[in-house]
Amino acid sequence: MDSKCTDLFGIIVVPVADDMQVHESHGFHCAAYGADVAAVFGTAQDDGTLKFFHKLIVREQACYVNIPGVLSGMDLPFSDKTALVVGASSGIGLAVACSLQQAGALIRGVGRHAVAGMDMTLLNLDEKESCEKVLEMAAGCDILVVVRGPFFQETLDHTPSGMWESLVYANLVFPGQLVSAALPGMCRKEWGRILLFGGTRTDRVRGFRTNAAYAAAKTGLSSLILSTAQGYASRGITCNGICPGFVDSGAYTTEKRRSLEQKSPLSKLVDEGEIVSAAEFLLKNPSINGTIVRVDQGWSPSFI
């Protein structure tokens, strides 16, 4: 076997080139987890989705080799858990969902787009009726991850009343409703993991000149996180948060990306893999509770 092979989570990882023909021995994400590998086979060169999952999970051009007996001996910390990931169809939400699936969790994703190998409920969460459906789903989950949160940038005197209502509902009220819906089931099981995503530098009360409404709602999540951790730690439930910086999610234009890189302390965007690593740490460690982690390279307005 190639001398460059490395071991990742008990599975052999083989670096491959973009034009490599992927053979039947390679199991793809997100389906290729667990003792019974539901592998999807194809050519990495021709299938952008498969290539994307490779890069997302392994964080390099690589693929898992399905070696008999290896998968069955893996340590899958969430193998008996159901994870509800709100905002799972793209970006950070998709990355975290795939990570949880890799750790053995049964994923119930909510988003706008279908994802190969993942149980997705397609909903427009701008509609209150769709949000009610998700609240019903939350009642049975063991792990709750809320990534979705629409952004709005404008000064206070140009923020209309309706925008205030929609931003606060989407970024604070709805996540709070999801937490309330999930907690009774978690309490019965004496186990639960909750991870909420804030905005850049909304880990504590600060002033914001051009996105005050959004920041006010996201800052409110900090109180929700600390309150949940304090109130339910004795029931085996943890609640933590992540406040990402400017993340390389592929959503920016070339011009916008260059502008954000110039504003970043490390002169580059935050890699999605770094967000996933923080999420894994918070979700897998029962002693980390009520913690809000900034993954933003230490960014502050002084870098503008």
C-alpha atoms as a PDB file:
ATOM      1  CA  MET A   1       0.000   0.000   0.000  1.00  0.00           C
ATOM      2  CA  ASP A   2       1.114   3.576  -0.652  1.00  0.00           C
ATOM      3  CA  SER A   3       3.605   4.737   1.956  1.00  0.00           C
ATOM      4  CA  LYS A   4       1.689   7.981   2.255  1.00  0.00           C
ATOM      5  CA  CYS A   5      -1.367   6.212   3.650  1.00  0.00           C
ATOM      6  CA  THR A   6      -2.430   7.385   7.090  1.00  0.00           C
ATOM      7  CA  ASP A   7      -4.842   6.093   9.698  1.00  0.00           C
ATOM      8  CA  LEU A   8      -7.885   8.263  10.447  1.00  0.00           C
ATOM      9  CA  PHE A   9     -10.498   7.142  12.983  1.00  0.00           C
ATOM     10  CA  GLY A  10      -9.410   3.530  12.483  1.00  0.00           C
ATOM     11  CA  ILE A  11      -9.792   3.711   8.697  1.00  0.00           C
ATOM     12  CA  ILE A  12      -6.974   3.804   6.185  1.00  0.00           C
ATOM     13  CA  VAL A  13      -6.885   7.025   4.197  1.00  0.00           C
ATOM     14  CA  VAL A  14      -5.291   7.080   0.768  1.00  0.00           C
ATOM     15  CA  PRO A  15      -4.408  10.440  -0.831  1.00  0.00           C
ATOM     16  CA  VAL A  16      -5.574  10.522  -4.438  1.00  0.00           C
ATOM     17  CA  ALA A  17      -5.298  12.842  -7.408  1.00  0.00           C
ATOM     18  CA  ASP A  18      -8.253  14.709  -8.879  1.00  0.00           C
ATOM     19  CA  ASP A  19      -8.224  12.530 -11.977  1.00  0.00           C
ATOM     20  CA  MET A  20      -7.895   9.199 -10.155  1.00  0.00           C
ATOM     21  CA  GLN A  21     -10.435   6.552 -11.154  1.00  0.00           C
ATOM     22  CA  VAL A  22     -12.119   5.529  -7.889  1.00  0.00           C
ATOM     23  CA  HIS A  23     -12.553   1.794  -7.660  1.00  0.00           C
ATOM     24  CA  GLU A  24     -15.130  -0.313  -5.869  1.00  0.00           C
ATOM     25  CA  SER A  25     -12.920  -0.681  -2.801  1.00  0.00           C
ATOM     26  CA  HIS A  26     -13.420   2.940  -1.869  1.00  0.00           C
ATOM     27  CA  GLY A  27     -16.366   3.887   0.336  1.00  0.00           C
ATOM     28  CA  PHE A  28     -17.729   7.392  -0.035  1.00  0.00           C
ATOM     29  CA  HIS A  29     -19.179   9.906   2.382  1.00  0.00           C
ATOM     30  CA  CYS A  30     -21.602  10.345   3.866  1.00  0.00           C
ATOM     31  CA  ALA A  31     -23.019   6.837   3.457  1.00  0.00           C
ATOM     32  CA  ALA A  32     -19.810   4.901   4.117  1.00  0.00           C
ATOM     33  CA  TYR A  33     -19.991   4.721   7.889  1.00  0.00           C
ATOM     34  CA  GLY A  34     -20.872   1.915  10.263  1.00  0.00           C
ATOM     35  CA  ALA A  35     -20.364  -1.822  10.154  1.00  0.00           C
ATOM     36  CA  ASP A  36     -22.623  -2.231   7.118  1.00  0.00           C
ATOM     37  CA  VAL A  37     -21.165   0.120   4.564  1.00  0.00           C
ATOM     38  CA  ALA A  38     -23.796   1.581   2.257  1.00  0.00           C
ATOM     39  CA  ALA A  39     -21.123   2.758  -0.165  1.00  0.00           C
ATOM     40  CA  VAL A  40     -21.718   4.920  -3.196  1.00  0.00           C
ATOM     41  CA  PHE A  41     -19.248   4.330  -5.976  1.00  0.00           C
ATOM     42  CA  GLY A  42     -18.231   6.558  -8.815  1.00  0.00           C
ATOM     43  CA  THR A  43     -15.465   8.638 -10.311  1.00  0.00           C
ATOM     44  CA  ALA A  44     -14.135  11.505  -8.231  1.00  0.00           C
ATOM     45  CA  GLN A  45     -13.225  13.315 -11.417  1.00  0.00           C
ATOM     46  CA  ASP A  46     -16.795  13.374 -12.696  1.00  0.00           C
ATOM     47  CA  ASP A  47     -18.860  13.554  -9.516  1.00  0.00           C
ATOM     48  CA  GLY A  48     -18.534  16.895  -7.756  1.00  0.00           C
ATOM     49  CA  THR A  49     -20.678  15.816  -4.789  1.00  0.00           C
ATOM     50  CA  LEU A  50     -18.499  12.821  -3.970  1.00  0.00           C
ATOM     51  CA  LYS A  51     -15.338  14.866  -4.323  1.00  0.00           C
ATOM     52  CA  PHE A  52     -16.837  17.525  -2.055  1.00  0.00           C
ATOM     53  CA  PHE A  53     -17.552  15.026   0.714  1.00  0.00           C
ATOM     54  CA  HIS A  54     -14.022  13.649   0.431  1.00  0.00           C
ATOM     55  CA  LYS A  55     -12.506  17.073   0.908  1.00  0.00           C
ATOM     56  CA  LEU A  56     -14.987  18.011   3.604  1.00  0.00           C
ATOM     57  CA  ILE A  57     -14.507  15.046   5.912  1.00  0.00           C
ATOM     58  CA  VAL A  58     -10.897  14.093   5.335  1.00  0.00           C
ATOM     59  CA  ARG A  59      -9.911  17.727   4.751  1.00  0.00           C
ATOM     60  CA  GLU A  60      -7.750  16.792   1.783  1.00  0.00           C
ATOM     61  CA  GLN A  61      -8.119  14.924  -1.500  1.00  0.00           C
ATOM     62  CA  ALA A  62      -8.487  11.464  -0.050  1.00  0.00           C
ATOM     63  CA  CYS A  63     -10.804   8.496   0.201  1.00  0.00           C
ATOM     64  CA  TYR A  64     -11.587   5.807   2.702  1.00  0.00           C
ATOM     65  CA  VAL A  65     -10.621   2.266   1.815  1.00  0.00           C
ATOM     66  CA  ASN A  66     -13.246  -0.250   2.866  1.00  0.00           C
ATOM     67  CA  ILE A  67     -11.042  -2.888   4.505  1.00  0.00           C
ATOM     68  CA  PRO A  68     -13.101  -5.820   5.882  1.00  0.00           C
ATOM     69  CA  GLY A  69     -13.277  -5.809   9.649  1.00  0.00           C
ATOM     70  CA  VAL A  70     -11.928  -2.297  10.108  1.00  0.00           C
ATOM     71  CA  LEU A  71     -15.243  -0.443  10.162  1.00  0.00           C
ATOM     72  CA  SER A  72     -16.859  -2.926  12.528  1.00  0.00           C
ATOM     73  CA  GLY A  73     -14.147  -2.243  15.103  1.00  0.00           C
ATOM     74  CA  MET A  74     -14.461   1.546  14.993  1.00  0.00           C
ATOM     75  CA  ASP A  75     -15.242   3.637  18.005  1.00  0.00           C
ATOM     76  CA  LEU A  76     -18.511   5.345  17.086  1.00  0.00           C
ATOM     77  CA  PRO A  77     -19.473   7.509  20.082  1.00  0.00           C
ATOM     78  CA  PHE A  78     -22.891   8.444  18.676  1.00  0.00           C
ATOM     79  CA  SER A  79     -23.846   5.085  17.147  1.00  0.00           C
ATOM     80  CA  ASP A  80     -27.113   4.893  19.095  1.00  0.00           C
ATOM     81  CA  LYS A  81     -27.989   8.591  18.847  1.00  0.00           C
ATOM     82  CA  THR A  82     -30.242  10.621  16.564  1.00  0.00           C
ATOM     83  CA  ALA A  83     -28.990  14.057  15.568  1.00  0.00           C
ATOM     84  CA  LEU A  84     -31.225  16.835  14.289  1.00  0.00           C
ATOM     85  CA  VAL A  85     -29.135  19.337  12.313  1.00  0.00           C
ATOM     86  CA  VAL A  86     -31.006  22.479  11.278  1.00  0.00           C
ATOM     87  CA  GLY A  87     -29.277  24.034   8.289  1.00  0.00           C
ATOM     88  CA  ALA A  88     -27.677  20.795   7.128  1.00  0.00           C
ATOM     89  CA  SER A  89     -27.866  21.154   3.367  1.00  0.00           C
ATOM     90  CA  SER A  90     -24.777  23.317   2.860  1.00  0.00           C
ATOM     91  CA  GLY A  91     -21.798  25.045   4.426  1.00  0.00           C
ATOM     92  CA  ILE A  92     -21.035  24.612   8.120  1.00  0.00           C
ATOM     93  CA  GLY A  93     -24.272  22.722   8.769  1.00  0.00           C
ATOM     94  CA  LEU A  94     -23.461  20.106   6.159  1.00  0.00           C
ATOM     95  CA  ALA A  95     -19.900  19.781   7.456  1.00  0.00           C
ATOM     96  CA  VAL A  96     -21.071  19.203  11.043  1.00  0.00           C
ATOM     97  CA  ALA A  97     -23.801  16.779   9.917  1.00  0.00           C
ATOM     98  CA  CYS A  98     -21.256  14.698   8.017  1.00  0.00           C
ATOM     99  CA  SER A  99     -18.956  14.683  11.030  1.00  0.00           C
ATOM    100  CA  LEU A 100     -21.769  13.429  13.259  1.00  0.00           C
ATOM    101  CA  GLN A 101     -22.656  10.779  10.712  1.00  0.00           C
ATOM    102  CA  GLN A 102     -19.036   9.720  10.680  1.00  0.00           C
ATOM    103  CA  ALA A 103     -19.260   9.318  14.469  1.00  0.00           C
ATOM    104  CA  GLY A 104     -22.207   6.945  14.032  1.00  0.00           C
ATOM    105  CA  ALA A 105     -25.190   9.244  14.566  1.00  0.00           C
ATOM    106  CA  LEU A 106     -28.400   8.865  12.593  1.00  0.00           C
ATOM    107  CA  ILE A 107     -28.780  12.232  10.906  1.00  0.00           C
ATOM    108  CA  ARG A 108     -32.083  13.981  10.432  1.00  0.00           C
ATOM    109  CA  GLY A 109     -31.152  17.058   8.470  1.00  0.00           C
ATOM    110  CA  VAL A 110     -33.280  20.103   7.724  1.00  0.00           C
ATOM    111  CA  GLY A 111     -32.468  22.379   4.818  1.00  0.00           C
ATOM    112  CA  ARG A 112     -33.387  23.544   1.344  1.00  0.00           C
ATOM    113  CA  HIS A 113     -31.447  20.978  -0.684  1.00  0.00           C
ATOM    114  CA  ALA A 114     -31.134  17.194  -0.787  1.00  0.00           C
ATOM    115  CA  VAL A 115     -27.812  15.653   0.269  1.00  0.00           C
ATOM    116  CA  ALA A 116     -26.648  12.275  -1.038  1.00  0.00           C
ATOM    117  CA  GLY A 117     -26.537   9.620   1.680  1.00  0.00           C
ATOM    118  CA  MET A 118     -28.349  11.726   4.283  1.00  0.00           C
ATOM    119  CA  ASP A 119     -31.954  11.830   5.519  1.00  0.00           C
ATOM    120  CA  MET A 120     -32.980  15.396   4.674  1.00  0.00           C
ATOM    121  CA  THR A 121     -36.291  17.148   5.271  1.00  0.00           C
ATOM    122  CA  LEU A 122     -36.573  19.937   2.715  1.00  0.00           C
ATOM    123  CA  LEU A 123     -38.241  23.006   4.187  1.00  0.00           C
ATOM    124  CA  ASN A 124     -38.284  26.761   3.805  1.00  0.00           C
ATOM    125  CA  LEU A 125     -37.708  27.918   7.363  1.00  0.00           C
ATOM    126  CA  ASP A 126     -38.798  31.440   6.493  1.00  0.00           C
ATOM    127  CA  GLU A 127     -42.300  29.993   6.817  1.00  0.00           C
ATOM    128  CA  LYS A 128     -43.675  29.513  10.359  1.00  0.00           C
ATOM    129  CA  GLU A 129     -45.522  26.320   9.347  1.00  0.00           C
ATOM    130  CA  SER A 130     -42.206  24.739   8.340  1.00  0.00           C
ATOM    131  CA  CYS A 131     -40.690  25.722  11.676  1.00  0.00           C
ATOM    132  CA  GLU A 132     -43.539  23.950  13.477  1.00  0.00           C
ATOM    133  CA  LYS A 133     -42.647  20.730  11.652  1.00  0.00           C
ATOM    134  CA  VAL A 134     -39.048  21.006  12.817  1.00  0.00           C
ATOM    135  CA  LEU A 135     -40.182  21.507  16.417  1.00  0.00           C
ATOM    136  CA  GLU A 136     -41.963  18.164  16.180  1.00  0.00           C
ATOM    137  CA  MET A 137     -38.742  16.560  14.916  1.00  0.00           C
ATOM    138  CA  ALA A 138     -36.764  18.046  17.817  1.00  0.00           C
ATOM    139  CA  ALA A 139     -38.867  16.211  20.376  1.00  0.00           C
ATOM    140  CA  GLY A 140     -37.177  12.904  19.615  1.00  0.00           C
ATOM    141  CA  CYS A 141     -33.557  13.893  19.031  1.00  0.00           C
ATOM    142  CA  ASP A 142     -30.554  13.087  21.199  1.00  0.00           C
ATOM    143  CA  ILE A 143     -28.326  15.713  19.586  1.00  0.00           C
ATOM    144  CA  LEU A 144     -29.548  19.130  18.469  1.00  0.00           C
ATOM    145  CA  VAL A 145     -27.405  21.343  16.239  1.00  0.00           C
ATOM    146  CA  VAL A 146     -28.793  24.677  15.020  1.00  0.00           C
ATOM    147  CA  VAL A 147     -26.605  26.330  12.401  1.00  0.00           C
ATOM    148  CA  ARG A 148     -29.126  28.332  10.399  1.00  0.00           C
ATOM    149  CA  GLY A 149     -29.442  32.035  11.110  1.00  0.00           C
ATOM    150  CA  PRO A 150     -30.145  34.653   8.410  1.00  0.00           C
ATOM    151  CA  PHE A 151     -27.852  37.688   8.369  1.00  0.00           C
ATOM    152  CA  PHE A 152     -28.802  41.335   7.863  1.00  0.00           C
ATOM    153  CA  GLN A 153     -26.420  44.276   7.691  1.00  0.00           C
ATOM    154  CA  GLU A 154     -27.764  47.791   8.063  1.00  0.00           C
ATOM    155  CA  THR A 155     -27.665  50.637  10.553  1.00  0.00           C
ATOM    156  CA  LEU A 156     -30.407  50.814  13.179  1.00  0.00           C
ATOM    157  CA  ASP A 157     -32.161  53.773  11.574  1.00  0.00           C
ATOM    158  CA  HIS A 158     -32.470  51.746   8.364  1.00  0.00           C
ATOM    159  CA  THR A 159     -33.688  48.516  10.006  1.00  0.00           C
ATOM    160  CA  PRO A 160     -37.464  48.167   9.444  1.00  0.00           C
ATOM    161  CA  SER A 161     -39.794  46.752  12.068  1.00  0.00           C
ATOM    162  CA  GLY A 162     -40.522  43.621  10.049  1.00  0.00           C
ATOM    163  CA  MET A 163     -36.814  42.860   9.731  1.00  0.00           C
ATOM    164  CA  TRP A 164     -36.423  43.060  13.503  1.00  0.00           C
ATOM    165  CA  GLU A 165     -39.198  40.511  13.938  1.00  0.00           C
ATOM    166  CA  SER A 166     -37.854  38.068  11.359  1.00  0.00           C
ATOM    167  CA  LEU A 167     -34.243  38.303  12.569  1.00  0.00           C
ATOM    168  CA  VAL A 168     -35.088  37.808  16.227  1.00  0.00           C
ATOM    169  CA  TYR A 169     -37.419  34.927  15.435  1.00  0.00           C
ATOM    170  CA  ALA A 170     -34.950  33.091  13.175  1.00  0.00           C
ATOM    171  CA  ASN A 171     -31.828  33.715  15.250  1.00  0.00           C
ATOM    172  CA  LEU A 172     -33.145  33.507  18.815  1.00  0.00           C
ATOM    173  CA  VAL A 173     -36.806  32.543  19.219  1.00  0.00           C
ATOM    174  CA  PHE A 174     -36.726  29.521  16.904  1.00  0.00           C
ATOM    175  CA  PRO A 175     -33.462  28.092  18.340  1.00  0.00           C
ATOM    176  CA  GLY A 176     -34.942  28.614  21.813  1.00  0.00           C
ATOM    177  CA  GLN A 177     -38.121  26.811  20.811  1.00  0.00           C
ATOM    178  CA  LEU A 178     -36.043  23.931  19.458  1.00  0.00           C
ATOM    179  CA  VAL A 179     -34.116  23.661  22.720  1.00  0.00           C
ATOM    180  CA  SER A 180     -37.361  23.652  24.714  1.00  0.00           C
ATOM    181  CA  ALA A 181     -38.823  20.978  22.424  1.00  0.00           C
ATOM    182  CA  ALA A 182     -35.742  18.739  22.680  1.00  0.00           C
ATOM    183  CA  LEU A 183     -35.150  18.972  26.432  1.00  0.00           C
ATOM    184  CA  PRO A 184     -38.030  16.786  27.737  1.00  0.00           C
ATOM    185  CA  GLY A 185     -36.872  13.779  25.691  1.00  0.00           C
ATOM    186  CA  MET A 186     -33.248  14.354  26.633  1.00  0.00           C
ATOM    187  CA  CYS A 187     -34.218  14.556  30.301  1.00  0.00           C
ATOM    188  CA  ARG A 188     -36.037  11.226  30.071  1.00  0.00           C
ATOM    189  CA  LYS A 189     -32.949   9.629  28.563  1.00  0.00           C
ATOM    190  CA  GLU A 190     -30.591  11.411  30.975  1.00  0.00           C
ATOM    191  CA  TRP A 191     -28.440  12.335  27.970  1.00  0.00           C
ATOM    192  CA  GLY A 192     -28.362  15.116  25.418  1.00  0.00           C
ATOM    193  CA  ARG A 193     -26.075  17.334  23.367  1.00  0.00           C
ATOM    194  CA  ILE A 194     -27.034  20.805  22.117  1.00  0.00           C
ATOM    195  CA  LEU A 195     -24.856  23.000  19.916  1.00  0.00           C
ATOM    196  CA  LEU A 196     -25.971  26.453  18.800  1.00  0.00           C
ATOM    197  CA  PHE A 197     -24.194  28.764  16.371  1.00  0.00           C
ATOM    198  CA  GLY A 198     -23.883  32.459  17.076  1.00  0.00           C
ATOM    199  CA  GLY A 199     -22.441  35.199  14.898  1.00  0.00           C
ATOM    200  CA  THR A 200     -18.982  36.713  14.707  1.00  0.00           C
ATOM    201  CA  ARG A 201     -18.089  38.196  18.136  1.00  0.00           C
ATOM    202  CA  THR A 202     -21.579  37.676  19.561  1.00  0.00           C
ATOM    203  CA  ASP A 203     -20.250  35.573  22.433  1.00  0.00           C
ATOM    204  CA  ARG A 204     -20.899  38.488  24.806  1.00  0.00           C
ATOM    205  CA  VAL A 205     -22.569  41.895  24.795  1.00  0.00           C
ATOM    206  CA  ARG A 206     -20.885  44.263  22.348  1.00  0.00           C
ATOM    207  CA  GLY A 207     -21.889  47.220  20.214  1.00  0.00           C
ATOM    208  CA  PHE A 208     -22.341  46.806  16.461  1.00  0.00           C
ATOM    209  CA  ARG A 209     -22.686  49.731  14.079  1.00  0.00           C
ATOM    210  CA  THR A 210     -24.078  48.048  10.965  1.00  0.00           C
ATOM    211  CA  ASN A 211     -25.673  44.776  12.059  1.00  0.00           C
ATOM    212  CA  ALA A 212     -27.108  45.559  15.467  1.00  0.00           C
ATOM    213  CA  ALA A 213     -30.411  43.708  15.017  1.00  0.00           C
ATOM    214  CA  TYR A 214     -28.723  40.488  13.902  1.00  0.00           C
ATOM    215  CA  ALA A 215     -26.064  40.757  16.618  1.00  0.00           C
ATOM    216  CA  ALA A 216     -28.646  41.445  19.334  1.00  0.00           C
ATOM    217  CA  ALA A 217     -30.510  38.262  18.447  1.00  0.00           C
ATOM    218  CA  LYS A 218     -27.343  36.151  18.210  1.00  0.00           C
ATOM    219  CA  THR A 219     -25.992  37.562  21.475  1.00  0.00           C
ATOM    220  CA  GLY A 220     -29.197  36.394  23.126  1.00  0.00           C
ATOM    221  CA  LEU A 221     -28.158  32.837  22.279  1.00  0.00           C
ATOM    222  CA  SER A 222     -25.318  33.179  24.783  1.00  0.00           C
ATOM    223  CA  SER A 223     -27.820  33.571  27.609  1.00  0.00           C
ATOM    224  CA  LEU A 224     -29.813  30.628  26.258  1.00  0.00           C
ATOM    225  CA  ILE A 225     -26.686  28.448  26.124  1.00  0.00           C
ATOM    226  CA  LEU A 226     -25.565  29.297  29.651  1.00  0.00           C
ATOM    227  CA  SER A 227     -29.090  28.907  31.054  1.00  0.00           C
ATOM    228  CA  THR A 228     -29.540  25.492  29.444  1.00  0.00           C
ATOM    229  CA  ALA A 229     -26.157  24.263  30.641  1.00  0.00           C
ATOM    230  CA  GLN A 230     -26.786  25.468  34.185  1.00  0.00           C
ATOM    231  CA  GLY A 231     -30.303  24.087  34.372  1.00  0.00           C
ATOM    232  CA  TYR A 232     -29.765  20.638  32.856  1.00  0.00           C
ATOM    233  CA  ALA A 233     -26.160  19.619  33.498  1.00  0.00           C
ATOM    234  CA  SER A 234     -27.276  17.216  36.219  1.00  0.00           C
ATOM    235  CA  ARG A 235     -29.447  15.412  33.660  1.00  0.00           C
ATOM    236  CA  GLY A 236     -26.485  14.508  31.466  1.00  0.00           C
ATOM    237  CA  ILE A 237     -27.227  17.307  28.981  1.00  0.00           C
ATOM    238  CA  THR A 238     -24.653  19.732  27.620  1.00  0.00           C
ATOM    239  CA  CYS A 239     -25.292  22.955  25.710  1.00  0.00           C
ATOM    240  CA  ASN A 240     -22.485  24.864  24.016  1.00  0.00           C
ATOM    241  CA  GLY A 241     -22.023  27.402  21.266  1.00  0.00           C
ATOM    242  CA  ILE A 242     -19.688  28.365  18.444  1.00  0.00           C
ATOM    243  CA  CYS A 243     -19.225  31.885  17.087  1.00  0.00           C
ATOM    244  CA  PRO A 244     -17.500  31.514  13.706  1.00  0.00           C
ATOM    245  CA  GLY A 245     -15.461  34.183  11.976  1.00  0.00           C
ATOM    246  CA  PHE A 246     -15.285  34.588   8.207  1.00  0.00           C
ATOM    247  CA  VAL A 247     -15.605  30.969   7.069  1.00  0.00           C
ATOM    248  CA  ASP A 248     -14.439  29.575   3.733  1.00  0.00           C
ATOM    249  CA  SER A 249     -17.792  28.046   2.789  1.00  0.00           C
ATOM    250  CA  GLY A 250     -17.543  28.701  -0.936  1.00  0.00           C
ATOM    251  CA  ALA A 251     -20.369  31.246  -0.790  1.00  0.00           C
ATOM    252  CA  TYR A 252     -18.298  34.387  -1.434  1.00  0.00           C
ATOM    253  CA  THR A 253     -17.519  36.073  -4.725  1.00  0.00           C
ATOM    254  CA  THR A 254     -13.848  36.452  -5.576  1.00  0.00           C
ATOM    255  CA  GLU A 255     -13.952  40.141  -4.703  1.00  0.00           C
ATOM    256  CA  LYS A 256     -15.734  39.568  -1.370  1.00  0.00           C
ATOM    257  CA  ARG A 257     -13.386  36.733  -0.471  1.00  0.00           C
ATOM    258  CA  ARG A 258     -10.324  38.893  -1.124  1.00  0.00           C
ATOM    259  CA  SER A 259     -11.802  41.667   1.009  1.00  0.00           C
ATOM    260  CA  LEU A 260     -12.475  39.328   3.945  1.00  0.00           C
ATOM    261  CA  GLU A 261      -9.017  37.781   3.689  1.00  0.00           C
ATOM    262  CA  GLN A 262      -7.495  41.235   3.999  1.00  0.00           C
ATOM    263  CA  LYS A 263      -9.538  41.823   7.160  1.00  0.00           C
ATOM    264  CA  SER A 264      -8.573  38.487   8.733  1.00  0.00           C
ATOM    265  CA  PRO A 265      -5.690  38.284  11.237  1.00  0.00           C
ATOM    266  CA  LEU A 266      -4.139  35.326   9.374  1.00  0.00           C
ATOM    267  CA  SER A 267      -4.874  36.829   5.940  1.00  0.00           C
ATOM    268  CA  LYS A 268      -7.100  33.873   5.096  1.00  0.00           C
ATOM    269  CA  LEU A 269     -10.610  32.678   5.805  1.00  0.00           C
ATOM    270  CA  VAL A 270     -11.425  30.207   8.564  1.00  0.00           C
ATOM    271  CA  ASP A 271     -11.478  26.676   7.180  1.00  0.00           C
ATOM    272  CA  GLU A 272     -14.712  24.711   7.642  1.00  0.00           C
ATOM    273  CA  GLY A 273     -12.638  21.884   9.076  1.00  0.00           C
ATOM    274  CA  GLU A 274     -11.663  24.114  11.989  1.00  0.00           C
ATOM    275  CA  ILE A 275     -15.337  24.714  12.760  1.00  0.00           C
ATOM    276  CA  VAL A 276     -15.989  20.974  12.586  1.00  0.00           C
ATOM    277  CA  SER A 277     -13.098  20.267  14.961  1.00  0.00           C
ATOM    278  CA  ALA A 278     -14.551  22.700  17.503  1.00  0.00           C
ATOM    279  CA  ALA A 279     -18.006  21.149  17.111  1.00  0.00           C
ATOM    280  CA  GLU A 280     -16.643  17.633  17.598  1.00  0.00           C
ATOM    281  CA  PHE A 281     -14.804  18.724  20.740  1.00  0.00           C
ATOM    282  CA  LEU A 282     -17.893  20.334  22.256  1.00  0.00           C
ATOM    283  CA  LEU A 283     -20.286  17.521  21.347  1.00  0.00           C
ATOM    284  CA  LYS A 284     -18.115  14.594  22.423  1.00  0.00           C
ATOM    285  CA  ASN A 285     -16.870  15.924  25.771  1.00  0.00           C
ATOM    286  CA  PRO A 286     -19.477  15.667  28.576  1.00  0.00           C
ATOM    287  CA  SER A 287     -17.437  17.933  30.855  1.00  0.00           C
ATOM    288  CA  ILE A 288     -17.536  20.875  28.446  1.00  0.00           C
ATOM    289  CA  ASN A 289     -20.830  22.607  29.196  1.00  0.00           C
ATOM    290  CA  GLY A 290     -21.951  26.204  28.873  1.00  0.00           C
ATOM    291  CA  THR A 291     -18.951  27.096  26.731  1.00  0.00           C
ATOM    292  CA  ILE A 292     -19.045  29.506  23.791  1.00  0.00           C
ATOM    293  CA  VAL A 293     -16.067  29.119  21.480  1.00  0.00           C
ATOM    294  CA  ARG A 294     -14.941  31.806  19.074  1.00  0.00           C
ATOM    295  CA  VAL A 295     -13.405  30.316  15.937  1.00  0.00           C
ATOM    296  CA  ASP A 296     -12.431  33.580  14.263  1.00  0.00           C
ATOM    297  CA  GLN A 297      -8.616  33.826  14.443  1.00  0.00           C
ATOM    298  CA  GLY A 298      -9.016  36.434  17.195  1.00  0.00           C
ATOM    299  CA  TRP A 299     -10.697  38.872  14.808  1.00  0.00           C
ATOM    300  CA  SER A 300     -11.809  42.314  15.964  1.00  0.00           C
ATOM    301  CA  PRO A 301     -12.832  45.518  14.148  1.00  0.00           C
ATOM    302  CA  SER A 302      -9.245  46.756  14.563  1.00  0.00           C
ATOM    303  CA  PHE A 303      -8.276  44.466  11.655  1.00  0.00           C
ATOM    304  CA  ILE A 304     -10.478  46.364   9.197  1.00  0.00           C
END
